[in-house]
Amino acid sequence: MPPRSESLKKKPPQPQSVGRLKGSPKEALLQSASEALAEAAVKHTPWDATASQAEVVLHEWGYRPKCRGWLYQSVCSPYWRLYYNSKKGHSIQLSDGMLGLGPEHLVLIPPHCIFDCRGVSPVPHFWIHFSYPKHPVHSPPKPVVLPPLEAELSLIRTLQSLRIETPSFSPTEKDLLLGMALIHAVLSRDELSWRAALPPPLVKTLEFIERNFTSELNGNDLAKIAGLSVSGLYRIFQMHLHTSPGNHVLGLKIQKAIHLLKETDMSIEQIADATGFHDRFHLTKIFKKMTGKTPPQFRKEHTLRYSKTNHLAPNPTPSLRVESARRRRFPR
């Protein structure tokens, strides 16, 4: 649940894909499951809160003793996710294979990692969402599988008991500290490797891009911001971010487009203009190259849209929240 930058809830053996099953028992089940997950979430800091250079921000944690209907496609959020299921039955689908959730490991998913959630059978499902300004060394981002330590399991069990004992649980200092303790315990694991601090010229350039990525940006302008030559700017991007300045800008544009597709009823033409693409055709070309789907396909799979009568009409993958088509909805 809640995603820090504009950005940001898993898959067992391939279940039947969720098609457009309007009014069907399966649709009712999935809608009910989404609402149950939303009710089980304990929210703290909003997903778009700004963290300091070394600050951990807890957005949300939650627990469902019997979580079913966990079926979401192309999940991509701007924050970290930590999952732990004490029984097998759910999994996440990645581009290079399936990763099962179960009692033998924690699964830590970094920001902007795209995956599908798969889970039909009712199993205990624990999650926690948080932001952390450091970046893992591997690029592109991919999930990290960690054998759980007893200290981590103890914290998870304590949080789960709080949720079970108080169904209408509201955020408190106690659960915040327990959640933060769990996050710090996981982030301190030796199995995790972090990128070194970024050099000031690169930080300055990234901040400028973040504020202006929907405008026309060229290598000469960015090099002047960094105080480097164009070739020097390219080298520093490759060294620290493993990408080029141009691809970094395109990534931000696509993340913004994803947000607008999920959270608004803007047309594809309007989204192309708002994200700095020349037209809808340019947006569609880049969007499909980076996500594997066209913008209309992505929107159809990820949003609950208003019908002509202003009632929410479900799309193939029911969203987590039902309150408003304009509210951000991410799977737990």
C-alpha atoms as a PDB file:
ATOM      1  CA  MET A   1       0.000   0.000   0.000  1.00  0.00           C
ATOM      2  CA  PRO A   2       1.152   3.537   0.421  1.00  0.00           C
ATOM      3  CA  PRO A   3       4.135   4.571  -2.608  1.00  0.00           C
ATOM      4  CA  ARG A   4       8.291   8.641  -2.319  1.00  0.00           C
ATOM      5  CA  SER A   5       8.847  10.405  -5.602  1.00  0.00           C
ATOM      6  CA  GLU A   6       6.120  10.488  -8.118  1.00  0.00           C
ATOM      7  CA  SER A   7       5.948   7.268  -8.192  1.00  0.00           C
ATOM      8  CA  LEU A   8       5.140   3.308  -4.859  1.00  0.00           C
ATOM      9  CA  LYS A   9       1.144  -5.282  -2.434  1.00  0.00           C
ATOM     10  CA  LYS A  10       2.698 -11.257  -5.402  1.00  0.00           C
ATOM     11  CA  LYS A  11       2.067 -15.247  -7.823  1.00  0.00           C
ATOM     12  CA  PRO A  12       1.650 -19.442  -7.015  1.00  0.00           C
ATOM     13  CA  PRO A  13       1.333 -21.703 -10.016  1.00  0.00           C
ATOM     14  CA  GLN A  14      -0.173 -19.671 -12.823  1.00  0.00           C
ATOM     15  CA  PRO A  15      -3.814 -19.127 -11.936  1.00  0.00           C
ATOM     16  CA  GLN A  16      -6.356 -18.415 -14.587  1.00  0.00           C
ATOM     17  CA  SER A  17      -5.897 -14.869 -15.828  1.00  0.00           C
ATOM     18  CA  VAL A  18      -8.415 -12.389 -14.556  1.00  0.00           C
ATOM     19  CA  GLY A  19     -10.475 -11.420 -17.529  1.00  0.00           C
ATOM     20  CA  ARG A  20     -13.360  -9.035 -17.750  1.00  0.00           C
ATOM     21  CA  LEU A  21     -15.802 -10.963 -15.584  1.00  0.00           C
ATOM     22  CA  LYS A  22     -18.390  -8.329 -14.863  1.00  0.00           C
ATOM     23  CA  GLY A  23     -20.842  -9.479 -12.266  1.00  0.00           C
ATOM     24  CA  SER A  24     -19.174 -12.886 -11.888  1.00  0.00           C
ATOM     25  CA  PRO A  25     -18.432 -14.615  -8.554  1.00  0.00           C
ATOM     26  CA  LYS A  26     -14.682 -14.266  -9.246  1.00  0.00           C
ATOM     27  CA  GLU A  27     -15.015 -10.511  -9.744  1.00  0.00           C
ATOM     28  CA  ALA A  28     -16.908 -10.213  -6.473  1.00  0.00           C
ATOM     29  CA  LEU A  29     -14.203 -12.267  -4.745  1.00  0.00           C
ATOM     30  CA  LEU A  30     -11.396 -10.083  -6.084  1.00  0.00           C
ATOM     31  CA  GLN A  31     -13.219  -6.885  -5.198  1.00  0.00           C
ATOM     32  CA  SER A  32     -13.843  -8.179  -1.693  1.00  0.00           C
ATOM     33  CA  ALA A  33     -10.187  -9.196  -1.358  1.00  0.00           C
ATOM     34  CA  SER A  34      -9.012  -5.740  -2.397  1.00  0.00           C
ATOM     35  CA  GLU A  35     -11.253  -4.043   0.139  1.00  0.00           C
ATOM     36  CA  ALA A  36     -10.129  -6.451   2.870  1.00  0.00           C
ATOM     37  CA  LEU A  37      -6.462  -5.659   2.173  1.00  0.00           C
ATOM     38  CA  ALA A  38      -7.177  -1.946   2.298  1.00  0.00           C
ATOM     39  CA  GLU A  39      -8.934  -2.327   5.645  1.00  0.00           C
ATOM     40  CA  ALA A  40      -6.018  -4.361   7.036  1.00  0.00           C
ATOM     41  CA  ALA A  41      -3.463  -1.645   6.264  1.00  0.00           C
ATOM     42  CA  VAL A  42      -2.022   0.558   9.015  1.00  0.00           C
ATOM     43  CA  LYS A  43      -0.972   3.799   7.357  1.00  0.00           C
ATOM     44  CA  HIS A  44       1.691   6.164   8.626  1.00  0.00           C
ATOM     45  CA  THR A  45       3.566   8.556   6.315  1.00  0.00           C
ATOM     46  CA  PRO A  46       2.072   9.258   2.846  1.00  0.00           C
ATOM     47  CA  TRP A  47       3.937   7.562  -0.016  1.00  0.00           C
ATOM     48  CA  ASP A  48       4.990  10.895  -1.550  1.00  0.00           C
ATOM     49  CA  ALA A  49       6.557  12.271   1.650  1.00  0.00           C
ATOM     50  CA  THR A  50      10.100  13.556   1.192  1.00  0.00           C
ATOM     51  CA  ALA A  51      12.864  11.716   3.057  1.00  0.00           C
ATOM     52  CA  SER A  52      16.202  13.200   4.028  1.00  0.00           C
ATOM     53  CA  GLN A  53      19.438  11.825   2.577  1.00  0.00           C
ATOM     54  CA  ALA A  54      19.608   8.915   5.059  1.00  0.00           C
ATOM     55  CA  GLU A  55      16.067   8.722   6.426  1.00  0.00           C
ATOM     56  CA  VAL A  56      13.807   5.693   6.398  1.00  0.00           C
ATOM     57  CA  VAL A  57      10.111   6.537   6.014  1.00  0.00           C
ATOM     58  CA  LEU A  58       7.475   3.959   6.935  1.00  0.00           C
ATOM     59  CA  HIS A  59       4.396   4.391   4.754  1.00  0.00           C
ATOM     60  CA  GLU A  60       2.267   1.413   5.671  1.00  0.00           C
ATOM     61  CA  TRP A  61       2.240  -2.089   7.042  1.00  0.00           C
ATOM     62  CA  GLY A  62      -0.517  -4.658   7.156  1.00  0.00           C
ATOM     63  CA  TYR A  63      -1.473  -8.251   7.803  1.00  0.00           C
ATOM     64  CA  ARG A  64      -4.238 -10.522   6.554  1.00  0.00           C
ATOM     65  CA  PRO A  65      -4.489 -13.981   8.214  1.00  0.00           C
ATOM     66  CA  LYS A  66      -6.332 -15.280   5.136  1.00  0.00           C
ATOM     67  CA  CYS A  67      -5.402 -13.244   2.087  1.00  0.00           C
ATOM     68  CA  ARG A  68      -6.968 -14.427  -1.164  1.00  0.00           C
ATOM     69  CA  GLY A  69      -7.602 -12.914  -4.569  1.00  0.00           C
ATOM     70  CA  TRP A  70      -4.099 -11.378  -4.662  1.00  0.00           C
ATOM     71  CA  LEU A  71      -3.983 -10.847  -8.426  1.00  0.00           C
ATOM     72  CA  TYR A  72      -2.415  -7.689  -9.856  1.00  0.00           C
ATOM     73  CA  GLN A  73      -0.514  -7.120 -13.076  1.00  0.00           C
ATOM     74  CA  SER A  74       2.567  -4.982 -13.807  1.00  0.00           C
ATOM     75  CA  VAL A  75       2.885  -3.604 -10.287  1.00  0.00           C
ATOM     76  CA  CYS A  76       5.398  -0.763 -10.127  1.00  0.00           C
ATOM     77  CA  SER A  77       5.728   1.591  -7.178  1.00  0.00           C
ATOM     78  CA  PRO A  78       8.143   4.336  -6.072  1.00  0.00           C
ATOM     79  CA  TYR A  79       8.851   2.809  -2.656  1.00  0.00           C
ATOM     80  CA  TRP A  80      10.269  -0.398  -1.167  1.00  0.00           C
ATOM     81  CA  ARG A  81       8.079  -3.412  -0.372  1.00  0.00           C
ATOM     82  CA  LEU A  82       8.780  -6.194   2.132  1.00  0.00           C
ATOM     83  CA  TYR A  83       6.674  -9.381   2.029  1.00  0.00           C
ATOM     84  CA  TYR A  84       6.467 -12.354   4.344  1.00  0.00           C
ATOM     85  CA  ASN A  85       3.949 -15.187   4.120  1.00  0.00           C
ATOM     86  CA  SER A  86       4.099 -17.854   6.817  1.00  0.00           C
ATOM     87  CA  LYS A  87       2.507 -20.370   4.407  1.00  0.00           C
ATOM     88  CA  LYS A  88       3.031 -21.071   0.719  1.00  0.00           C
ATOM     89  CA  GLY A  89       0.420 -20.221  -1.886  1.00  0.00           C
ATOM     90  CA  HIS A  90       1.280 -16.767  -3.268  1.00  0.00           C
ATOM     91  CA  SER A  91       4.059 -15.741  -5.634  1.00  0.00           C
ATOM     92  CA  ILE A  92       5.296 -12.895  -7.772  1.00  0.00           C
ATOM     93  CA  GLN A  93       5.944 -13.141 -11.491  1.00  0.00           C
ATOM     94  CA  LEU A  94       9.056 -11.426 -12.810  1.00  0.00           C
ATOM     95  CA  SER A  95      10.265 -11.047 -16.369  1.00  0.00           C
ATOM     96  CA  ASP A  96      12.754 -13.873 -15.822  1.00  0.00           C
ATOM     97  CA  GLY A  97      10.624 -16.272 -13.793  1.00  0.00           C
ATOM     98  CA  MET A  98       8.417 -16.935 -10.783  1.00  0.00           C
ATOM     99  CA  LEU A  99       9.349 -16.231  -7.151  1.00  0.00           C
ATOM    100  CA  GLY A 100       7.246 -17.956  -4.518  1.00  0.00           C
ATOM    101  CA  LEU A 101       6.381 -16.418  -1.160  1.00  0.00           C
ATOM    102  CA  GLY A 102       6.593 -18.630   1.899  1.00  0.00           C
ATOM    103  CA  PRO A 103       7.939 -19.143   5.417  1.00  0.00           C
ATOM    104  CA  GLU A 104      11.513 -19.837   4.304  1.00  0.00           C
ATOM    105  CA  HIS A 105      12.284 -16.317   3.108  1.00  0.00           C
ATOM    106  CA  LEU A 106      11.534 -12.605   3.171  1.00  0.00           C
ATOM    107  CA  VAL A 107      11.137 -10.894  -0.189  1.00  0.00           C
ATOM    108  CA  LEU A 108      12.414  -7.316  -0.466  1.00  0.00           C
ATOM    109  CA  ILE A 109      11.347  -5.470  -3.625  1.00  0.00           C
ATOM    110  CA  PRO A 110      13.074  -2.181  -4.534  1.00  0.00           C
ATOM    111  CA  PRO A 111      11.323   0.821  -6.102  1.00  0.00           C
ATOM    112  CA  HIS A 112      10.381   0.751  -9.804  1.00  0.00           C
ATOM    113  CA  CYS A 113      10.658  -3.032 -10.024  1.00  0.00           C
ATOM    114  CA  ILE A 114       7.843  -4.333 -12.262  1.00  0.00           C
ATOM    115  CA  PHE A 115       6.147  -7.598 -11.275  1.00  0.00           C
ATOM    116  CA  ASP A 116       2.792  -9.385 -11.203  1.00  0.00           C
ATOM    117  CA  CYS A 117       1.054 -10.655  -8.056  1.00  0.00           C
ATOM    118  CA  ARG A 118      -0.341 -14.190  -8.085  1.00  0.00           C
ATOM    119  CA  GLY A 119      -2.324 -15.611  -5.198  1.00  0.00           C
ATOM    120  CA  VAL A 120      -5.760 -17.224  -5.141  1.00  0.00           C
ATOM    121  CA  SER A 121      -5.642 -19.499  -2.097  1.00  0.00           C
ATOM    122  CA  PRO A 122      -6.104 -17.940   1.382  1.00  0.00           C
ATOM    123  CA  VAL A 123      -2.741 -17.689   3.154  1.00  0.00           C
ATOM    124  CA  PRO A 124      -1.315 -15.400   5.895  1.00  0.00           C
ATOM    125  CA  HIS A 125       0.111 -12.332   4.180  1.00  0.00           C
ATOM    126  CA  PHE A 126       2.279  -9.638   5.821  1.00  0.00           C
ATOM    127  CA  TRP A 127       3.578  -6.547   4.040  1.00  0.00           C
ATOM    128  CA  ILE A 128       5.366  -3.314   4.824  1.00  0.00           C
ATOM    129  CA  HIS A 129       5.971  -0.352   2.501  1.00  0.00           C
ATOM    130  CA  PHE A 130       8.711   2.200   3.088  1.00  0.00           C
ATOM    131  CA  SER A 131      11.064   4.653   1.407  1.00  0.00           C
ATOM    132  CA  TYR A 132      14.843   4.659   1.698  1.00  0.00           C
ATOM    133  CA  PRO A 133      17.020   7.097  -0.290  1.00  0.00           C
ATOM    134  CA  LYS A 134      19.891   4.704  -0.971  1.00  0.00           C
ATOM    135  CA  HIS A 135      19.890   2.495  -4.050  1.00  0.00           C
ATOM    136  CA  PRO A 136      20.937  -1.142  -4.449  1.00  0.00           C
ATOM    137  CA  VAL A 137      23.992  -1.806  -6.578  1.00  0.00           C
ATOM    138  CA  HIS A 138      22.166  -4.012  -9.072  1.00  0.00           C
ATOM    139  CA  SER A 139      20.493  -2.357 -12.025  1.00  0.00           C
ATOM    140  CA  PRO A 140      17.776  -2.726 -13.178  1.00  0.00           C
ATOM    141  CA  PRO A 141      16.140  -3.199  -9.751  1.00  0.00           C
ATOM    142  CA  LYS A 142      15.199  -6.742  -8.800  1.00  0.00           C
ATOM    143  CA  PRO A 143      13.779  -8.458  -5.697  1.00  0.00           C
ATOM    144  CA  VAL A 144      16.098  -9.699  -2.974  1.00  0.00           C
ATOM    145  CA  VAL A 145      15.337 -13.011  -1.234  1.00  0.00           C
ATOM    146  CA  LEU A 146      16.507 -13.227   2.375  1.00  0.00           C
ATOM    147  CA  PRO A 147      16.249 -16.114   4.862  1.00  0.00           C
ATOM    148  CA  PRO A 148      14.382 -14.624   7.846  1.00  0.00           C
ATOM    149  CA  LEU A 149      16.281 -14.130  11.074  1.00  0.00           C
ATOM    150  CA  GLU A 150      14.593 -14.885  14.378  1.00  0.00           C
ATOM    151  CA  ALA A 151      14.731 -11.206  15.396  1.00  0.00           C
ATOM    152  CA  GLU A 152      12.890 -10.254  12.206  1.00  0.00           C
ATOM    153  CA  LEU A 153      10.288 -12.982  12.643  1.00  0.00           C
ATOM    154  CA  SER A 154       9.736 -11.869  16.229  1.00  0.00           C
ATOM    155  CA  LEU A 155       9.001  -8.312  15.077  1.00  0.00           C
ATOM    156  CA  ILE A 156       6.656  -9.590  12.345  1.00  0.00           C
ATOM    157  CA  ARG A 157       4.770 -11.797  14.816  1.00  0.00           C
ATOM    158  CA  THR A 158       4.400  -8.883  17.221  1.00  0.00           C
ATOM    159  CA  LEU A 159       2.970  -6.649  14.500  1.00  0.00           C
ATOM    160  CA  GLN A 160       0.659  -9.423  13.341  1.00  0.00           C
ATOM    161  CA  SER A 161      -0.671  -9.903  16.867  1.00  0.00           C
ATOM    162  CA  LEU A 162      -1.392  -6.178  17.127  1.00  0.00           C
ATOM    163  CA  ARG A 163      -3.430  -6.388  13.934  1.00  0.00           C
ATOM    164  CA  ILE A 164      -5.334  -9.508  15.003  1.00  0.00           C
ATOM    165  CA  GLU A 165      -6.109  -8.278  18.506  1.00  0.00           C
ATOM    166  CA  THR A 166      -7.400  -4.914  17.269  1.00  0.00           C
ATOM    167  CA  PRO A 167      -9.275  -5.207  13.926  1.00  0.00           C
ATOM    168  CA  SER A 168      -9.863  -1.441  13.805  1.00  0.00           C
ATOM    169  CA  PHE A 169      -6.222  -0.727  14.599  1.00  0.00           C
ATOM    170  CA  SER A 170      -5.078   2.886  14.219  1.00  0.00           C
ATOM    171  CA  PRO A 171      -1.454   4.031  13.851  1.00  0.00           C
ATOM    172  CA  THR A 172       0.403   4.366  17.160  1.00  0.00           C
ATOM    173  CA  GLU A 173       3.954   5.128  18.224  1.00  0.00           C
ATOM    174  CA  LYS A 174       4.364   1.483  19.271  1.00  0.00           C
ATOM    175  CA  ASP A 175       3.584  -0.036  15.878  1.00  0.00           C
ATOM    176  CA  LEU A 176       5.584   2.704  14.147  1.00  0.00           C
ATOM    177  CA  LEU A 177       8.680   1.853  16.210  1.00  0.00           C
ATOM    178  CA  LEU A 178       8.185  -1.878  15.675  1.00  0.00           C
ATOM    179  CA  GLY A 179       7.806  -1.374  11.937  1.00  0.00           C
ATOM    180  CA  MET A 180      10.871   0.862  11.779  1.00  0.00           C
ATOM    181  CA  ALA A 181      12.857  -1.695  13.798  1.00  0.00           C
ATOM    182  CA  LEU A 182      11.925  -4.387  11.263  1.00  0.00           C
ATOM    183  CA  ILE A 183      12.913  -2.180   8.310  1.00  0.00           C
ATOM    184  CA  HIS A 184      16.266  -1.267   9.880  1.00  0.00           C
ATOM    185  CA  ALA A 185      16.958  -4.905  10.731  1.00  0.00           C
ATOM    186  CA  VAL A 186      16.370  -5.962   7.122  1.00  0.00           C
ATOM    187  CA  LEU A 187      18.289  -3.048   5.577  1.00  0.00           C
ATOM    188  CA  SER A 188      21.302  -3.823   7.792  1.00  0.00           C
ATOM    189  CA  ARG A 189      21.635  -7.361   6.392  1.00  0.00           C
ATOM    190  CA  ASP A 190      25.051  -8.255   4.976  1.00  0.00           C
ATOM    191  CA  GLU A 191      23.400  -9.689   1.874  1.00  0.00           C
ATOM    192  CA  LEU A 192      22.420  -6.188   0.729  1.00  0.00           C
ATOM    193  CA  SER A 193      24.881  -3.969  -1.136  1.00  0.00           C
ATOM    194  CA  TRP A 194      24.325  -0.257  -1.636  1.00  0.00           C
ATOM    195  CA  ARG A 195      25.636   2.228  -4.148  1.00  0.00           C
ATOM    196  CA  ALA A 196      28.183   4.717  -2.905  1.00  0.00           C
ATOM    197  CA  ALA A 197      27.036   8.274  -2.277  1.00  0.00           C
ATOM    198  CA  LEU A 198      26.513  10.123  -5.546  1.00  0.00           C
ATOM    199  CA  PRO A 199      28.998  12.909  -6.408  1.00  0.00           C
ATOM    200  CA  PRO A 200      27.686  16.491  -6.011  1.00  0.00           C
ATOM    201  CA  PRO A 201      27.632  17.267  -9.786  1.00  0.00           C
ATOM    202  CA  LEU A 202      25.417  14.248 -10.386  1.00  0.00           C
ATOM    203  CA  VAL A 203      23.140  15.056  -7.443  1.00  0.00           C
ATOM    204  CA  LYS A 204      22.738  18.612  -8.747  1.00  0.00           C
ATOM    205  CA  THR A 205      21.901  17.333 -12.234  1.00  0.00           C
ATOM    206  CA  LEU A 206      19.412  14.761 -10.957  1.00  0.00           C
ATOM    207  CA  GLU A 207      17.627  17.392  -8.872  1.00  0.00           C
ATOM    208  CA  PHE A 208      17.391  19.657 -11.921  1.00  0.00           C
ATOM    209  CA  ILE A 209      16.035  16.810 -14.061  1.00  0.00           C
ATOM    210  CA  GLU A 210      13.501  15.895 -11.375  1.00  0.00           C
ATOM    211  CA  ARG A 211      12.099  19.436 -11.497  1.00  0.00           C
ATOM    212  CA  ASN A 212      12.207  19.833 -15.287  1.00  0.00           C
ATOM    213  CA  PHE A 213      11.940  16.402 -16.935  1.00  0.00           C
ATOM    214  CA  THR A 214       8.701  17.311 -18.737  1.00  0.00           C
ATOM    215  CA  SER A 215      10.504  20.146 -20.532  1.00  0.00           C
ATOM    216  CA  GLU A 216      12.929  19.904 -23.448  1.00  0.00           C
ATOM    217  CA  LEU A 217      16.296  18.902 -21.985  1.00  0.00           C
ATOM    218  CA  ASN A 218      19.490  18.364 -23.967  1.00  0.00           C
ATOM    219  CA  GLY A 219      22.959  17.157 -23.115  1.00  0.00           C
ATOM    220  CA  ASN A 220      24.564  20.591 -23.353  1.00  0.00           C
ATOM    221  CA  ASP A 221      22.129  22.126 -20.870  1.00  0.00           C
ATOM    222  CA  LEU A 222      22.547  19.269 -18.394  1.00  0.00           C
ATOM    223  CA  ALA A 223      26.338  19.372 -18.746  1.00  0.00           C
ATOM    224  CA  LYS A 224      26.317  23.074 -17.843  1.00  0.00           C
ATOM    225  CA  ILE A 225      24.215  22.325 -14.741  1.00  0.00           C
ATOM    226  CA  ALA A 226      26.738  19.679 -13.703  1.00  0.00           C
ATOM    227  CA  GLY A 227      29.763  21.778 -14.576  1.00  0.00           C
ATOM    228  CA  LEU A 228      31.054  18.995 -16.833  1.00  0.00           C
ATOM    229  CA  SER A 229      31.543  18.325 -20.499  1.00  0.00           C
ATOM    230  CA  VAL A 230      28.829  16.350 -22.300  1.00  0.00           C
ATOM    231  CA  SER A 231      31.072  13.269 -22.411  1.00  0.00           C
ATOM    232  CA  GLY A 232      31.942  13.744 -18.731  1.00  0.00           C
ATOM    233  CA  LEU A 233      28.255  13.900 -17.832  1.00  0.00           C
ATOM    234  CA  TYR A 234      27.579  10.710 -19.787  1.00  0.00           C
ATOM    235  CA  ARG A 235      30.450   8.898 -18.017  1.00  0.00           C
ATOM    236  CA  ILE A 236      29.266   9.924 -14.559  1.00  0.00           C
ATOM    237  CA  PHE A 237      25.720   8.716 -15.333  1.00  0.00           C
ATOM    238  CA  GLN A 238      27.014   5.382 -16.594  1.00  0.00           C
ATOM    239  CA  MET A 239      29.353   4.955 -13.636  1.00  0.00           C
ATOM    240  CA  HIS A 240      26.783   5.617 -10.912  1.00  0.00           C
ATOM    241  CA  LEU A 241      23.364   4.983 -12.469  1.00  0.00           C
ATOM    242  CA  HIS A 242      24.217   2.516 -15.256  1.00  0.00           C
ATOM    243  CA  THR A 243      22.194   4.512 -17.755  1.00  0.00           C
ATOM    244  CA  SER A 244      22.482   7.600 -19.941  1.00  0.00           C
ATOM    245  CA  PRO A 245      21.046  11.050 -19.109  1.00  0.00           C
ATOM    246  CA  GLY A 246      18.533  10.648 -21.929  1.00  0.00           C
ATOM    247  CA  ASN A 247      17.287   7.267 -20.738  1.00  0.00           C
ATOM    248  CA  HIS A 248      17.036   8.573 -17.182  1.00  0.00           C
ATOM    249  CA  VAL A 249      14.820  11.415 -18.370  1.00  0.00           C
ATOM    250  CA  LEU A 250      12.664   8.994 -20.382  1.00  0.00           C
ATOM    251  CA  GLY A 251      12.272   6.793 -17.305  1.00  0.00           C
ATOM    252  CA  LEU A 252      10.911   9.721 -15.299  1.00  0.00           C
ATOM    253  CA  LYS A 253       8.525  10.628 -18.115  1.00  0.00           C
ATOM    254  CA  ILE A 254       7.186   7.074 -18.240  1.00  0.00           C
ATOM    255  CA  GLN A 255       6.781   6.920 -14.447  1.00  0.00           C
ATOM    256  CA  LYS A 256       4.768  10.144 -14.642  1.00  0.00           C
ATOM    257  CA  ALA A 257       2.695   8.699 -17.484  1.00  0.00           C
ATOM    258  CA  ILE A 258       2.037   5.550 -15.441  1.00  0.00           C
ATOM    259  CA  HIS A 259       0.788   7.678 -12.560  1.00  0.00           C
ATOM    260  CA  LEU A 260      -1.539   9.695 -14.807  1.00  0.00           C
ATOM    261  CA  LEU A 261      -2.881   6.567 -16.497  1.00  0.00           C
ATOM    262  CA  LYS A 262      -3.685   5.004 -13.128  1.00  0.00           C
ATOM    263  CA  GLU A 263      -4.976   8.020 -11.287  1.00  0.00           C
ATOM    264  CA  THR A 264      -6.699  10.298 -13.789  1.00  0.00           C
ATOM    265  CA  ASP A 265      -9.109  10.208 -16.708  1.00  0.00           C
ATOM    266  CA  MET A 266      -6.805  12.307 -18.888  1.00  0.00           C
ATOM    267  CA  SER A 267      -6.701  11.320 -22.549  1.00  0.00           C
ATOM    268  CA  ILE A 268      -3.535   9.795 -24.021  1.00  0.00           C
ATOM    269  CA  GLU A 269      -2.966  13.061 -25.916  1.00  0.00           C
ATOM    270  CA  GLN A 270      -3.206  15.050 -22.673  1.00  0.00           C
ATOM    271  CA  ILE A 271      -0.835  12.680 -20.881  1.00  0.00           C
ATOM    272  CA  ALA A 272       1.672  12.923 -23.736  1.00  0.00           C
ATOM    273  CA  ASP A 273       1.603  16.713 -23.445  1.00  0.00           C
ATOM    274  CA  ALA A 274       1.843  16.647 -19.628  1.00  0.00           C
ATOM    275  CA  THR A 275       4.879  14.350 -19.689  1.00  0.00           C
ATOM    276  CA  GLY A 276       6.830  16.170 -22.391  1.00  0.00           C
ATOM    277  CA  PHE A 277       6.370  13.817 -25.336  1.00  0.00           C
ATOM    278  CA  HIS A 278       5.866  15.218 -28.834  1.00  0.00           C
ATOM    279  CA  ASP A 279       2.480  13.514 -29.271  1.00  0.00           C
ATOM    280  CA  ARG A 280       0.554  10.374 -28.329  1.00  0.00           C
ATOM    281  CA  PHE A 281       2.427   8.325 -30.926  1.00  0.00           C
ATOM    282  CA  HIS A 282       5.795   9.239 -29.425  1.00  0.00           C
ATOM    283  CA  LEU A 283       4.494   8.407 -25.939  1.00  0.00           C
ATOM    284  CA  THR A 284       3.052   5.084 -27.119  1.00  0.00           C
ATOM    285  CA  LYS A 285       6.309   4.056 -28.808  1.00  0.00           C
ATOM    286  CA  ILE A 286       8.465   4.742 -25.741  1.00  0.00           C
ATOM    287  CA  PHE A 287       5.857   3.433 -23.277  1.00  0.00           C
ATOM    288  CA  LYS A 288       5.531   0.083 -25.066  1.00  0.00           C
ATOM    289  CA  LYS A 289       9.310  -0.237 -25.362  1.00  0.00           C
ATOM    290  CA  MET A 290       9.745   0.247 -21.606  1.00  0.00           C
ATOM    291  CA  THR A 291       6.669  -1.562 -20.241  1.00  0.00           C
ATOM    292  CA  GLY A 292       5.689  -4.000 -22.971  1.00  0.00           C
ATOM    293  CA  LYS A 293       2.208  -2.493 -23.198  1.00  0.00           C
ATOM    294  CA  THR A 294       0.572   0.459 -24.913  1.00  0.00           C
ATOM    295  CA  PRO A 295      -0.848   3.199 -22.659  1.00  0.00           C
ATOM    296  CA  PRO A 296      -4.482   2.122 -23.284  1.00  0.00           C
ATOM    297  CA  GLN A 297      -3.606  -1.506 -22.481  1.00  0.00           C
ATOM    298  CA  PHE A 298      -1.846  -0.461 -19.292  1.00  0.00           C
ATOM    299  CA  ARG A 299      -4.756   1.734 -18.192  1.00  0.00           C
ATOM    300  CA  LYS A 300      -7.270  -1.029 -18.834  1.00  0.00           C
ATOM    301  CA  GLU A 301      -5.357  -3.446 -16.611  1.00  0.00           C
ATOM    302  CA  HIS A 302      -4.644  -1.077 -13.742  1.00  0.00           C
ATOM    303  CA  THR A 303      -7.512   1.230 -13.035  1.00  0.00           C
ATOM    304  CA  LEU A 304     -11.054   1.296 -11.782  1.00  0.00           C
ATOM    305  CA  ARG A 305     -12.657   3.774 -14.143  1.00  0.00           C
ATOM    306  CA  TYR A 306     -15.847   5.742 -13.723  1.00  0.00           C
ATOM    307  CA  SER A 307     -18.690   4.435 -15.837  1.00  0.00           C
ATOM    308  CA  LYS A 308     -20.953   6.839 -17.716  1.00  0.00           C
ATOM    309  CA  THR A 309     -23.217   6.901 -14.669  1.00  0.00           C
ATOM    310  CA  ASN A 310     -20.279   7.905 -12.423  1.00  0.00           C
ATOM    311  CA  HIS A 311     -20.199   4.527 -10.717  1.00  0.00           C
ATOM    312  CA  LEU A 312     -16.937   2.650 -10.470  1.00  0.00           C
ATOM    313  CA  ALA A 313     -16.682  -0.030 -13.130  1.00  0.00           C
ATOM    314  CA  PRO A 314     -14.090  -2.776 -12.564  1.00  0.00           C
ATOM    315  CA  ASN A 315     -11.313  -3.407 -15.062  1.00  0.00           C
ATOM    316  CA  PRO A 316      -9.629  -6.800 -15.605  1.00  0.00           C
ATOM    317  CA  THR A 317      -7.450  -6.418 -12.538  1.00  0.00           C
ATOM    318  CA  PRO A 318      -9.557  -5.030  -9.683  1.00  0.00           C
ATOM    319  CA  SER A 319      -7.799  -2.255  -7.846  1.00  0.00           C
ATOM    320  CA  LEU A 320      -7.067  -2.182  -4.194  1.00  0.00           C
ATOM    321  CA  ARG A 321      -9.045   0.913  -3.300  1.00  0.00           C
ATOM    322  CA  VAL A 322     -12.621   1.596  -4.244  1.00  0.00           C
ATOM    323  CA  GLU A 323     -13.109   5.058  -2.817  1.00  0.00           C
ATOM    324  CA  SER A 324     -12.286   7.133  -5.886  1.00  0.00           C
ATOM    325  CA  ALA A 325     -10.942   6.587  -9.351  1.00  0.00           C
ATOM    326  CA  ARG A 326      -8.649   9.532  -8.748  1.00  0.00           C
ATOM    327  CA  ARG A 327      -7.002   8.082  -5.632  1.00  0.00           C
ATOM    328  CA  ARG A 328      -3.726   6.132  -5.902  1.00  0.00           C
ATOM    329  CA  ARG A 329      -4.216   2.386  -5.619  1.00  0.00           C
ATOM    330  CA  PHE A 330      -1.379  -0.073  -5.160  1.00  0.00           C
ATOM    331  CA  PRO A 331      -1.592  -3.761  -4.228  1.00  0.00           C
ATOM    332  CA  ARG A 332      -0.491  -4.826  -0.773  1.00  0.00           C
END
